Amino acid sequence: MRKLRRYGPPLALIAPSVFLIGVFVYGLIIASFQTSMTDAHTSAQFTGVQETHFVGLQNYIDILKTDNFQHSLRNLLLYTVVFLSGTMFFGFLWAFLLDKRARAEGFIRSVYLFPMAVSSIAAGVVWKWLLNANTGARASGLNRLFQLIGLDFLQNKWWSNYNWGIAAIAIPAIWQMSGYVMALFLAGFRGIPNELREAARVDGANEWQLYRHVIFPQLSPVALSAIIIIGHMSLKGFDLIVAIAKPASYETRVPAIDMYQFQTEGNYANASTVGIILLLVVLVLIVPYLVHTARAEKNR
């Protein structure tokens, strides 16, 4: 009875959240995995209940062997590399500069963080015009800007480029999320005790040595967290890509768009299969991070 009084209220408090997460997160993941192991699909002519059959891993094998999905995976890899590299570079650079106690720091932080508050669809509409593929007399957006300042050789097809079009869409993604990474690094910079800085200066360290040997090593947990967060966001990229390019555009296809198109076609088995593949890719990033965090907490 005493244990019930002690643990009863906390358990009752978290029970609704545990139930909702169990049903709408883990329950739906299990349902998606089960669907991916069947031949569940509908057609435009079919409106009734269709009998499904267990096919095991056949959907995974068939999808992974198709050229279209392999192209989507290559696009996803390119998008992730460009997006992750850009946000980490600019986010760290802005945080490093702001750590120098720049004037109007509050205003500058707000300017950097503002793109994150903009809807991806709204940002995509603007960047679709900026990344317009027209050149010459019909040039607009960035191509027109390059034309006006005499840098015509920089004009290109942007997201319409067959080989690296998805990398162009990473540009607005970098613009949108660099401020978030800046906030993470800036919090890391400001969380380092001044005593460490002063001790390094007393020992004769110059400014570069101070950052190289004292401050930067302290930021490794922040950098790892930023990589995990931005990395898994890039793997789920969909709305910004769709807002800039058409979902059927081959140049910018990624697995999330494949999943959407399978769903609209009524091919629920393949849609679930792509979803589970994305989940497994995300787990490849998340699980090492969780293991690293657990070990760090255990060693404290």
C-alpha atoms as a PDB file:
ATOM      1  CA  MET A   1       0.000   0.000   0.000  1.00  0.00           C
ATOM      2  CA  ARG A   2       2.888   2.320   0.807  1.00  0.00           C
ATOM      3  CA  LYS A   3       4.503   1.623  -2.598  1.00  0.00           C
ATOM      4  CA  LEU A   4       1.194   2.335  -4.329  1.00  0.00           C
ATOM      5  CA  ARG A   5       0.976   5.712  -2.609  1.00  0.00           C
ATOM      6  CA  ARG A   6       4.558   6.463  -3.533  1.00  0.00           C
ATOM      7  CA  TYR A   7       4.598   5.340  -7.163  1.00  0.00           C
ATOM      8  CA  GLY A   8       0.888   5.580  -8.014  1.00  0.00           C
ATOM      9  CA  PRO A   9       0.634   9.352  -8.748  1.00  0.00           C
ATOM     10  CA  PRO A  10       3.793   9.485 -10.941  1.00  0.00           C
ATOM     11  CA  LEU A  11       2.674   6.421 -12.898  1.00  0.00           C
ATOM     12  CA  ALA A  12      -0.823   7.853 -13.342  1.00  0.00           C
ATOM     13  CA  LEU A  13       0.726  11.113 -14.567  1.00  0.00           C
ATOM     14  CA  ILE A  14       2.825   9.512 -17.323  1.00  0.00           C
ATOM     15  CA  ALA A  15       0.348   6.739 -18.227  1.00  0.00           C
ATOM     16  CA  PRO A  16      -1.548   8.782 -20.912  1.00  0.00           C
ATOM     17  CA  SER A  17       1.713   9.747 -22.644  1.00  0.00           C
ATOM     18  CA  VAL A  18       3.025   6.178 -22.487  1.00  0.00           C
ATOM     19  CA  PHE A  19      -0.248   4.903 -23.953  1.00  0.00           C
ATOM     20  CA  LEU A  20      -0.330   7.444 -26.788  1.00  0.00           C
ATOM     21  CA  ILE A  21       3.339   6.863 -27.686  1.00  0.00           C
ATOM     22  CA  GLY A  22       2.861   3.108 -27.518  1.00  0.00           C
ATOM     23  CA  VAL A  23      -0.138   3.187 -29.873  1.00  0.00           C
ATOM     24  CA  PHE A  24       0.653   6.003 -32.304  1.00  0.00           C
ATOM     25  CA  VAL A  25       4.444   5.594 -32.504  1.00  0.00           C
ATOM     26  CA  TYR A  26       5.532   2.048 -31.768  1.00  0.00           C
ATOM     27  CA  GLY A  27       2.180   0.532 -32.655  1.00  0.00           C
ATOM     28  CA  LEU A  28       2.170   2.168 -36.081  1.00  0.00           C
ATOM     29  CA  ILE A  29       5.814   1.177 -36.649  1.00  0.00           C
ATOM     30  CA  ILE A  30       4.860  -2.447 -36.009  1.00  0.00           C
ATOM     31  CA  ALA A  31       1.826  -2.107 -38.291  1.00  0.00           C
ATOM     32  CA  SER A  32       3.997  -0.617 -41.048  1.00  0.00           C
ATOM     33  CA  PHE A  33       6.515  -3.448 -40.711  1.00  0.00           C
ATOM     34  CA  GLN A  34       3.726  -6.016 -40.973  1.00  0.00           C
ATOM     35  CA  THR A  35       2.319  -4.287 -44.068  1.00  0.00           C
ATOM     36  CA  SER A  36       5.775  -4.215 -45.663  1.00  0.00           C
ATOM     37  CA  MET A  37       5.880  -8.016 -45.415  1.00  0.00           C
ATOM     38  CA  THR A  38       2.686  -8.401 -47.480  1.00  0.00           C
ATOM     39  CA  ASP A  39       1.474  -7.631 -51.011  1.00  0.00           C
ATOM     40  CA  ALA A  40      -1.106  -5.079 -49.808  1.00  0.00           C
ATOM     41  CA  HIS A  41      -2.113  -2.686 -52.562  1.00  0.00           C
ATOM     42  CA  THR A  42      -5.183  -1.283 -54.281  1.00  0.00           C
ATOM     43  CA  SER A  43      -5.972  -0.166 -57.822  1.00  0.00           C
ATOM     44  CA  ALA A  44      -8.162   2.479 -59.367  1.00  0.00           C
ATOM     45  CA  GLN A  45     -10.682  -0.206 -60.357  1.00  0.00           C
ATOM     46  CA  PHE A  46     -10.747  -1.900 -56.964  1.00  0.00           C
ATOM     47  CA  THR A  47     -12.941  -0.496 -54.182  1.00  0.00           C
ATOM     48  CA  GLY A  48     -13.601  -3.464 -51.904  1.00  0.00           C
ATOM     49  CA  VAL A  49     -11.567  -5.365 -49.327  1.00  0.00           C
ATOM     50  CA  GLN A  50      -8.546  -7.077 -50.844  1.00  0.00           C
ATOM     51  CA  GLU A  51      -7.001 -10.238 -49.474  1.00  0.00           C
ATOM     52  CA  THR A  52      -3.304  -9.818 -48.744  1.00  0.00           C
ATOM     53  CA  HIS A  53      -0.599 -12.459 -48.635  1.00  0.00           C
ATOM     54  CA  PHE A  54       2.640 -12.739 -46.705  1.00  0.00           C
ATOM     55  CA  VAL A  55       5.660 -12.255 -48.966  1.00  0.00           C
ATOM     56  CA  GLY A  56       8.452 -11.911 -46.402  1.00  0.00           C
ATOM     57  CA  LEU A  57      11.372  -9.723 -47.448  1.00  0.00           C
ATOM     58  CA  GLN A  58      10.500  -9.824 -51.144  1.00  0.00           C
ATOM     59  CA  ASN A  59       9.328  -6.184 -51.179  1.00  0.00           C
ATOM     60  CA  TYR A  60      12.651  -5.054 -49.704  1.00  0.00           C
ATOM     61  CA  ILE A  61      14.619  -7.060 -52.265  1.00  0.00           C
ATOM     62  CA  ASP A  62      12.537  -5.802 -55.194  1.00  0.00           C
ATOM     63  CA  ILE A  63      12.736  -2.134 -54.156  1.00  0.00           C
ATOM     64  CA  LEU A  64      16.444  -2.138 -53.387  1.00  0.00           C
ATOM     65  CA  LYS A  65      17.173  -3.697 -56.798  1.00  0.00           C
ATOM     66  CA  THR A  66      15.308  -1.024 -58.799  1.00  0.00           C
ATOM     67  CA  ASP A  67      17.305   1.736 -60.493  1.00  0.00           C
ATOM     68  CA  ASN A  68      14.829   4.392 -59.364  1.00  0.00           C
ATOM     69  CA  PHE A  69      15.233   3.612 -55.672  1.00  0.00           C
ATOM     70  CA  GLN A  70      19.001   3.351 -55.981  1.00  0.00           C
ATOM     71  CA  HIS A  71      18.926   6.798 -57.586  1.00  0.00           C
ATOM     72  CA  SER A  72      16.817   8.027 -54.662  1.00  0.00           C
ATOM     73  CA  LEU A  73      19.358   6.644 -52.179  1.00  0.00           C
ATOM     74  CA  ARG A  74      22.219   8.348 -54.020  1.00  0.00           C
ATOM     75  CA  ASN A  75      20.282  11.614 -53.973  1.00  0.00           C
ATOM     76  CA  LEU A  76      19.625  11.176 -50.272  1.00  0.00           C
ATOM     77  CA  LEU A  77      23.324  10.627 -49.585  1.00  0.00           C
ATOM     78  CA  LEU A  78      24.316  13.704 -51.608  1.00  0.00           C
ATOM     79  CA  TYR A  79      21.611  15.828 -49.975  1.00  0.00           C
ATOM     80  CA  THR A  80      22.660  14.687 -46.484  1.00  0.00           C
ATOM     81  CA  VAL A  81      26.360  15.370 -47.087  1.00  0.00           C
ATOM     82  CA  VAL A  82      25.776  18.885 -48.487  1.00  0.00           C
ATOM     83  CA  PHE A  83      23.091  19.793 -45.947  1.00  0.00           C
ATOM     84  CA  LEU A  84      25.065  18.492 -42.972  1.00  0.00           C
ATOM     85  CA  SER A  85      28.362  20.041 -44.081  1.00  0.00           C
ATOM     86  CA  GLY A  86      26.785  23.424 -44.816  1.00  0.00           C
ATOM     87  CA  THR A  87      24.819  23.733 -41.583  1.00  0.00           C
ATOM     88  CA  MET A  88      27.762  22.601 -39.449  1.00  0.00           C
ATOM     89  CA  PHE A  89      30.164  25.024 -41.165  1.00  0.00           C
ATOM     90  CA  PHE A  90      27.978  28.130 -41.116  1.00  0.00           C
ATOM     91  CA  GLY A  91      26.427  27.351 -37.735  1.00  0.00           C
ATOM     92  CA  PHE A  92      29.838  26.943 -36.128  1.00  0.00           C
ATOM     93  CA  LEU A  93      31.244  30.027 -37.908  1.00  0.00           C
ATOM     94  CA  TRP A  94      28.395  32.282 -36.763  1.00  0.00           C
ATOM     95  CA  ALA A  95      28.596  30.962 -33.201  1.00  0.00           C
ATOM     96  CA  PHE A  96      32.369  31.503 -33.180  1.00  0.00           C
ATOM     97  CA  LEU A  97      31.954  35.108 -34.326  1.00  0.00           C
ATOM     98  CA  LEU A  98      29.159  35.807 -31.837  1.00  0.00           C
ATOM     99  CA  ASP A  99      31.267  34.365 -29.038  1.00  0.00           C
ATOM    100  CA  LYS A 100      33.501  37.404 -29.565  1.00  0.00           C
ATOM    101  CA  ARG A 101      30.678  39.506 -28.042  1.00  0.00           C
ATOM    102  CA  ALA A 102      29.673  41.290 -31.239  1.00  0.00           C
ATOM    103  CA  ARG A 103      27.606  44.458 -31.089  1.00  0.00           C
ATOM    104  CA  ALA A 104      23.838  44.047 -31.472  1.00  0.00           C
ATOM    105  CA  GLU A 105      24.248  40.367 -30.690  1.00  0.00           C
ATOM    106  CA  GLY A 106      20.568  39.909 -29.844  1.00  0.00           C
ATOM    107  CA  PHE A 107      19.506  41.324 -33.207  1.00  0.00           C
ATOM    108  CA  ILE A 108      22.058  39.212 -35.098  1.00  0.00           C
ATOM    109  CA  ARG A 109      20.909  36.045 -33.314  1.00  0.00           C
ATOM    110  CA  SER A 110      17.304  36.826 -34.219  1.00  0.00           C
ATOM    111  CA  VAL A 111      18.232  37.326 -37.879  1.00  0.00           C
ATOM    112  CA  TYR A 112      20.080  33.999 -37.975  1.00  0.00           C
ATOM    113  CA  LEU A 113      17.286  32.125 -36.198  1.00  0.00           C
ATOM    114  CA  PHE A 114      14.428  33.678 -38.201  1.00  0.00           C
ATOM    115  CA  PRO A 115      14.676  31.268 -41.198  1.00  0.00           C
ATOM    116  CA  MET A 116      14.024  28.349 -38.844  1.00  0.00           C
ATOM    117  CA  ALA A 117      10.648  29.891 -37.948  1.00  0.00           C
ATOM    118  CA  VAL A 118       9.626  30.069 -41.625  1.00  0.00           C
ATOM    119  CA  SER A 119       7.515  27.199 -42.908  1.00  0.00           C
ATOM    120  CA  SER A 120       9.392  24.899 -45.281  1.00  0.00           C
ATOM    121  CA  ILE A 121       6.572  25.281 -47.810  1.00  0.00           C
ATOM    122  CA  ALA A 122       6.737  29.088 -47.656  1.00  0.00           C
ATOM    123  CA  ALA A 123      10.525  29.019 -47.899  1.00  0.00           C
ATOM    124  CA  GLY A 124      10.282  26.559 -50.789  1.00  0.00           C
ATOM    125  CA  VAL A 125       8.015  28.902 -52.781  1.00  0.00           C
ATOM    126  CA  VAL A 126      10.586  31.718 -52.513  1.00  0.00           C
ATOM    127  CA  TRP A 127      13.586  29.509 -53.196  1.00  0.00           C
ATOM    128  CA  LYS A 128      11.852  27.949 -56.181  1.00  0.00           C
ATOM    129  CA  TRP A 129      11.971  31.385 -57.816  1.00  0.00           C
ATOM    130  CA  LEU A 130      15.545  32.030 -56.641  1.00  0.00           C
ATOM    131  CA  LEU A 131      16.718  28.689 -58.047  1.00  0.00           C
ATOM    132  CA  ASN A 132      14.960  29.162 -61.391  1.00  0.00           C
ATOM    133  CA  ALA A 133      16.774  27.362 -64.210  1.00  0.00           C
ATOM    134  CA  ASN A 134      16.153  30.045 -66.855  1.00  0.00           C
ATOM    135  CA  THR A 135      19.243  31.755 -68.246  1.00  0.00           C
ATOM    136  CA  GLY A 136      19.976  34.500 -70.757  1.00  0.00           C
ATOM    137  CA  ALA A 137      17.179  36.974 -71.465  1.00  0.00           C
ATOM    138  CA  ARG A 138      14.692  34.932 -69.389  1.00  0.00           C
ATOM    139  CA  ALA A 139      16.970  34.646 -66.358  1.00  0.00           C
ATOM    140  CA  SER A 140      15.474  35.258 -62.921  1.00  0.00           C
ATOM    141  CA  GLY A 141      16.407  34.680 -59.314  1.00  0.00           C
ATOM    142  CA  LEU A 142      20.062  33.899 -58.630  1.00  0.00           C
ATOM    143  CA  ASN A 143      20.805  33.435 -62.330  1.00  0.00           C
ATOM    144  CA  ARG A 144      19.601  36.991 -62.969  1.00  0.00           C
ATOM    145  CA  LEU A 145      21.750  38.271 -60.082  1.00  0.00           C
ATOM    146  CA  PHE A 146      24.840  36.593 -61.501  1.00  0.00           C
ATOM    147  CA  GLN A 147      24.010  38.095 -64.875  1.00  0.00           C
ATOM    148  CA  LEU A 148      23.736  41.614 -63.449  1.00  0.00           C
ATOM    149  CA  ILE A 149      27.070  41.472 -61.628  1.00  0.00           C
ATOM    150  CA  GLY A 150      28.944  39.953 -64.567  1.00  0.00           C
ATOM    151  CA  LEU A 151      29.252  36.403 -63.234  1.00  0.00           C
ATOM    152  CA  ASP A 152      27.353  34.722 -66.049  1.00  0.00           C
ATOM    153  CA  PHE A 153      29.520  31.595 -65.773  1.00  0.00           C
ATOM    154  CA  LEU A 154      27.852  30.852 -62.418  1.00  0.00           C
ATOM    155  CA  GLN A 155      24.418  30.517 -64.020  1.00  0.00           C
ATOM    156  CA  ASN A 156      23.187  26.925 -64.017  1.00  0.00           C
ATOM    157  CA  LYS A 157      20.077  24.759 -63.916  1.00  0.00           C
ATOM    158  CA  TRP A 158      20.091  24.430 -60.110  1.00  0.00           C
ATOM    159  CA  TRP A 159      17.627  21.736 -58.992  1.00  0.00           C
ATOM    160  CA  SER A 160      16.908  20.813 -62.631  1.00  0.00           C
ATOM    161  CA  ASN A 161      20.463  19.554 -63.048  1.00  0.00           C
ATOM    162  CA  TYR A 162      20.360  15.804 -63.704  1.00  0.00           C
ATOM    163  CA  ASN A 163      23.504  14.899 -61.742  1.00  0.00           C
ATOM    164  CA  TRP A 164      23.478  17.143 -58.664  1.00  0.00           C
ATOM    165  CA  GLY A 165      20.088  18.861 -58.667  1.00  0.00           C
ATOM    166  CA  ILE A 166      19.305  17.644 -55.153  1.00  0.00           C
ATOM    167  CA  ALA A 167      22.436  19.423 -53.878  1.00  0.00           C
ATOM    168  CA  ALA A 168      20.917  22.747 -54.991  1.00  0.00           C
ATOM    169  CA  ILE A 169      17.871  22.088 -52.810  1.00  0.00           C
ATOM    170  CA  ALA A 170      20.251  21.633 -49.876  1.00  0.00           C
ATOM    171  CA  ILE A 171      21.060  25.374 -50.182  1.00  0.00           C
ATOM    172  CA  PRO A 172      17.686  26.577 -48.813  1.00  0.00           C
ATOM    173  CA  ALA A 173      17.828  23.778 -46.222  1.00  0.00           C
ATOM    174  CA  ILE A 174      21.202  25.131 -45.054  1.00  0.00           C
ATOM    175  CA  TRP A 175      19.773  28.664 -44.982  1.00  0.00           C
ATOM    176  CA  GLN A 176      16.872  27.451 -42.858  1.00  0.00           C
ATOM    177  CA  MET A 177      18.742  25.336 -40.278  1.00  0.00           C
ATOM    178  CA  SER A 178      22.152  27.003 -39.880  1.00  0.00           C
ATOM    179  CA  GLY A 179      20.728  29.316 -37.225  1.00  0.00           C
ATOM    180  CA  TYR A 180      19.639  26.327 -35.154  1.00  0.00           C
ATOM    181  CA  VAL A 181      23.136  24.831 -35.265  1.00  0.00           C
ATOM    182  CA  MET A 182      24.512  28.285 -34.393  1.00  0.00           C
ATOM    183  CA  ALA A 183      22.322  28.348 -31.274  1.00  0.00           C
ATOM    184  CA  LEU A 184      23.616  24.904 -30.230  1.00  0.00           C
ATOM    185  CA  PHE A 185      27.260  25.888 -30.645  1.00  0.00           C
ATOM    186  CA  LEU A 186      26.756  29.290 -29.044  1.00  0.00           C
ATOM    187  CA  ALA A 187      25.233  27.616 -25.999  1.00  0.00           C
ATOM    188  CA  GLY A 188      28.283  25.344 -25.949  1.00  0.00           C
ATOM    189  CA  PHE A 189      30.666  28.310 -26.132  1.00  0.00           C
ATOM    190  CA  ARG A 190      28.843  30.157 -23.351  1.00  0.00           C
ATOM    191  CA  GLY A 191      28.700  27.012 -21.203  1.00  0.00           C
ATOM    192  CA  ILE A 192      32.488  26.812 -20.921  1.00  0.00           C
ATOM    193  CA  PRO A 193      33.594  28.308 -17.569  1.00  0.00           C
ATOM    194  CA  ASN A 194      35.634  31.513 -17.774  1.00  0.00           C
ATOM    195  CA  GLU A 195      38.061  29.964 -15.292  1.00  0.00           C
ATOM    196  CA  LEU A 196      39.288  27.589 -18.013  1.00  0.00           C
ATOM    197  CA  ARG A 197      39.902  30.488 -20.383  1.00  0.00           C
ATOM    198  CA  GLU A 198      41.731  32.509 -17.762  1.00  0.00           C
ATOM    199  CA  ALA A 199      43.851  29.530 -16.694  1.00  0.00           C
ATOM    200  CA  ALA A 200      44.927  28.922 -20.291  1.00  0.00           C
ATOM    201  CA  ARG A 201      45.876  32.591 -20.724  1.00  0.00           C
ATOM    202  CA  VAL A 202      47.862  32.546 -17.488  1.00  0.00           C
ATOM    203  CA  ASP A 203      49.761  29.509 -18.820  1.00  0.00           C
ATOM    204  CA  GLY A 204      50.757  31.576 -21.837  1.00  0.00           C
ATOM    205  CA  ALA A 205      48.277  30.321 -24.451  1.00  0.00           C
ATOM    206  CA  ASN A 206      47.479  32.748 -27.257  1.00  0.00           C
ATOM    207  CA  GLU A 207      43.959  33.131 -28.622  1.00  0.00           C
ATOM    208  CA  TRP A 208      44.300  30.370 -31.238  1.00  0.00           C
ATOM    209  CA  GLN A 209      45.857  27.952 -28.743  1.00  0.00           C
ATOM    210  CA  LEU A 210      43.062  28.754 -26.292  1.00  0.00           C
ATOM    211  CA  TYR A 211      40.387  27.746 -28.808  1.00  0.00           C
ATOM    212  CA  ARG A 212      42.384  24.863 -30.292  1.00  0.00           C
ATOM    213  CA  HIS A 213      43.317  23.095 -27.057  1.00  0.00           C
ATOM    214  CA  VAL A 214      40.722  24.261 -24.522  1.00  0.00           C
ATOM    215  CA  ILE A 215      37.455  25.433 -26.078  1.00  0.00           C
ATOM    216  CA  PHE A 216      37.037  23.313 -29.217  1.00  0.00           C
ATOM    217  CA  PRO A 217      37.493  19.972 -27.395  1.00  0.00           C
ATOM    218  CA  GLN A 218      34.738  21.030 -24.993  1.00  0.00           C
ATOM    219  CA  LEU A 219      32.347  21.402 -27.936  1.00  0.00           C
ATOM    220  CA  SER A 220      32.571  17.796 -29.149  1.00  0.00           C
ATOM    221  CA  PRO A 221      29.290  16.727 -27.398  1.00  0.00           C
ATOM    222  CA  VAL A 222      27.505  19.696 -28.980  1.00  0.00           C
ATOM    223  CA  ALA A 223      28.922  18.851 -32.401  1.00  0.00           C
ATOM    224  CA  LEU A 224      27.848  15.227 -32.068  1.00  0.00           C
ATOM    225  CA  SER A 225      24.317  16.260 -31.060  1.00  0.00           C
ATOM    226  CA  ALA A 226      24.109  18.686 -33.994  1.00  0.00           C
ATOM    227  CA  ILE A 227      25.279  16.006 -36.439  1.00  0.00           C
ATOM    228  CA  ILE A 228      22.667  13.548 -35.178  1.00  0.00           C
ATOM    229  CA  ILE A 229      19.821  16.091 -35.269  1.00  0.00           C
ATOM    230  CA  ILE A 230      20.650  17.548 -38.694  1.00  0.00           C
ATOM    231  CA  GLY A 231      21.492  14.124 -40.112  1.00  0.00           C
ATOM    232  CA  HIS A 232      18.153  12.575 -39.230  1.00  0.00           C
ATOM    233  CA  MET A 233      16.315  15.699 -40.435  1.00  0.00           C
ATOM    234  CA  SER A 234      17.984  15.368 -43.838  1.00  0.00           C
ATOM    235  CA  LEU A 235      16.959  11.713 -44.080  1.00  0.00           C
ATOM    236  CA  LYS A 236      13.317  12.709 -43.638  1.00  0.00           C
ATOM    237  CA  GLY A 237      13.489  15.619 -46.079  1.00  0.00           C
ATOM    238  CA  PHE A 238      10.240  15.960 -48.035  1.00  0.00           C
ATOM    239  CA  ASP A 239       8.276  19.210 -47.746  1.00  0.00           C
ATOM    240  CA  LEU A 240      11.038  21.579 -48.871  1.00  0.00           C
ATOM    241  CA  ILE A 241      11.902  19.335 -51.825  1.00  0.00           C
ATOM    242  CA  VAL A 242       8.270  19.063 -52.920  1.00  0.00           C
ATOM    243  CA  ALA A 243       7.772  22.837 -52.571  1.00  0.00           C
ATOM    244  CA  ILE A 244      10.700  23.554 -54.916  1.00  0.00           C
ATOM    245  CA  ALA A 245      10.517  20.643 -57.361  1.00  0.00           C
ATOM    246  CA  LYS A 246       7.620  18.485 -58.516  1.00  0.00           C
ATOM    247  CA  PRO A 247       7.240  15.157 -56.642  1.00  0.00           C
ATOM    248  CA  ALA A 248       7.614  13.296 -59.940  1.00  0.00           C
ATOM    249  CA  SER A 249      10.887  15.082 -60.777  1.00  0.00           C
ATOM    250  CA  TYR A 250      13.550  12.419 -61.270  1.00  0.00           C
ATOM    251  CA  GLU A 251      16.432  14.799 -60.491  1.00  0.00           C
ATOM    252  CA  THR A 252      15.295  15.378 -56.909  1.00  0.00           C
ATOM    253  CA  ARG A 253      13.801  12.024 -55.954  1.00  0.00           C
ATOM    254  CA  VAL A 254      14.545  10.819 -52.429  1.00  0.00           C
ATOM    255  CA  PRO A 255      13.088   7.844 -50.507  1.00  0.00           C
ATOM    256  CA  ALA A 256      10.534  10.016 -48.705  1.00  0.00           C
ATOM    257  CA  ILE A 257       9.099  11.084 -52.070  1.00  0.00           C
ATOM    258  CA  ASP A 258       9.090   7.465 -53.249  1.00  0.00           C
ATOM    259  CA  MET A 259       7.088   6.552 -50.157  1.00  0.00           C
ATOM    260  CA  TYR A 260       4.603   9.356 -50.869  1.00  0.00           C
ATOM    261  CA  GLN A 261       4.129   8.280 -54.471  1.00  0.00           C
ATOM    262  CA  PHE A 262       3.661   4.617 -53.532  1.00  0.00           C
ATOM    263  CA  GLN A 263       1.032   5.742 -51.033  1.00  0.00           C
ATOM    264  CA  THR A 264      -0.858   7.855 -53.573  1.00  0.00           C
ATOM    265  CA  GLU A 265      -0.822   4.916 -55.988  1.00  0.00           C
ATOM    266  CA  GLY A 266      -2.347   2.679 -53.318  1.00  0.00           C
ATOM    267  CA  ASN A 267       0.752   0.507 -53.066  1.00  0.00           C
ATOM    268  CA  TYR A 268       0.769   0.391 -49.281  1.00  0.00           C
ATOM    269  CA  ALA A 269       3.222  -2.513 -49.052  1.00  0.00           C
ATOM    270  CA  ASN A 270       5.943  -0.659 -50.956  1.00  0.00           C
ATOM    271  CA  ALA A 271       5.203   2.589 -49.106  1.00  0.00           C
ATOM    272  CA  SER A 272       5.626   0.790 -45.782  1.00  0.00           C
ATOM    273  CA  THR A 273       8.782  -0.889 -47.057  1.00  0.00           C
ATOM    274  CA  VAL A 274      10.392   2.454 -47.907  1.00  0.00           C
ATOM    275  CA  GLY A 275       9.321   3.815 -44.519  1.00  0.00           C
ATOM    276  CA  ILE A 276      10.968   0.930 -42.678  1.00  0.00           C
ATOM    277  CA  ILE A 277      14.139   1.324 -44.757  1.00  0.00           C
ATOM    278  CA  LEU A 278      14.281   5.001 -43.745  1.00  0.00           C
ATOM    279  CA  LEU A 279      13.708   4.016 -40.125  1.00  0.00           C
ATOM    280  CA  LEU A 280      16.629   1.593 -40.272  1.00  0.00           C
ATOM    281  CA  VAL A 281      18.870   4.274 -41.796  1.00  0.00           C
ATOM    282  CA  VAL A 282      17.909   6.690 -39.006  1.00  0.00           C
ATOM    283  CA  LEU A 283      18.642   4.016 -36.407  1.00  0.00           C
ATOM    284  CA  VAL A 284      22.150   3.657 -37.838  1.00  0.00           C
ATOM    285  CA  LEU A 285      22.704   7.279 -36.768  1.00  0.00           C
ATOM    286  CA  ILE A 286      20.713   7.320 -33.546  1.00  0.00           C
ATOM    287  CA  VAL A 287      21.829   4.064 -31.881  1.00  0.00           C
ATOM    288  CA  PRO A 288      25.587   4.912 -31.767  1.00  0.00           C
ATOM    289  CA  TYR A 289      24.668   8.322 -30.311  1.00  0.00           C
ATOM    290  CA  LEU A 290      22.508   6.735 -27.610  1.00  0.00           C
ATOM    291  CA  VAL A 291      25.267   4.238 -26.771  1.00  0.00           C
ATOM    292  CA  HIS A 292      27.820   7.049 -26.576  1.00  0.00           C
ATOM    293  CA  THR A 293      25.538   9.107 -24.323  1.00  0.00           C
ATOM    294  CA  ALA A 294      24.824   6.138 -22.034  1.00  0.00           C
ATOM    295  CA  ARG A 295      28.540   5.411 -21.646  1.00  0.00           C
ATOM    296  CA  ALA A 296      29.295   9.077 -20.925  1.00  0.00           C
ATOM    297  CA  GLU A 297      26.636   9.173 -18.220  1.00  0.00           C
ATOM    298  CA  LYS A 298      27.917   5.929 -16.725  1.00  0.00           C
ATOM    299  CA  ASN A 299      31.511   7.234 -16.544  1.00  0.00           C
ATOM    300  CA  ARG A 300      30.550  10.406 -14.704  1.00  0.00           C
END
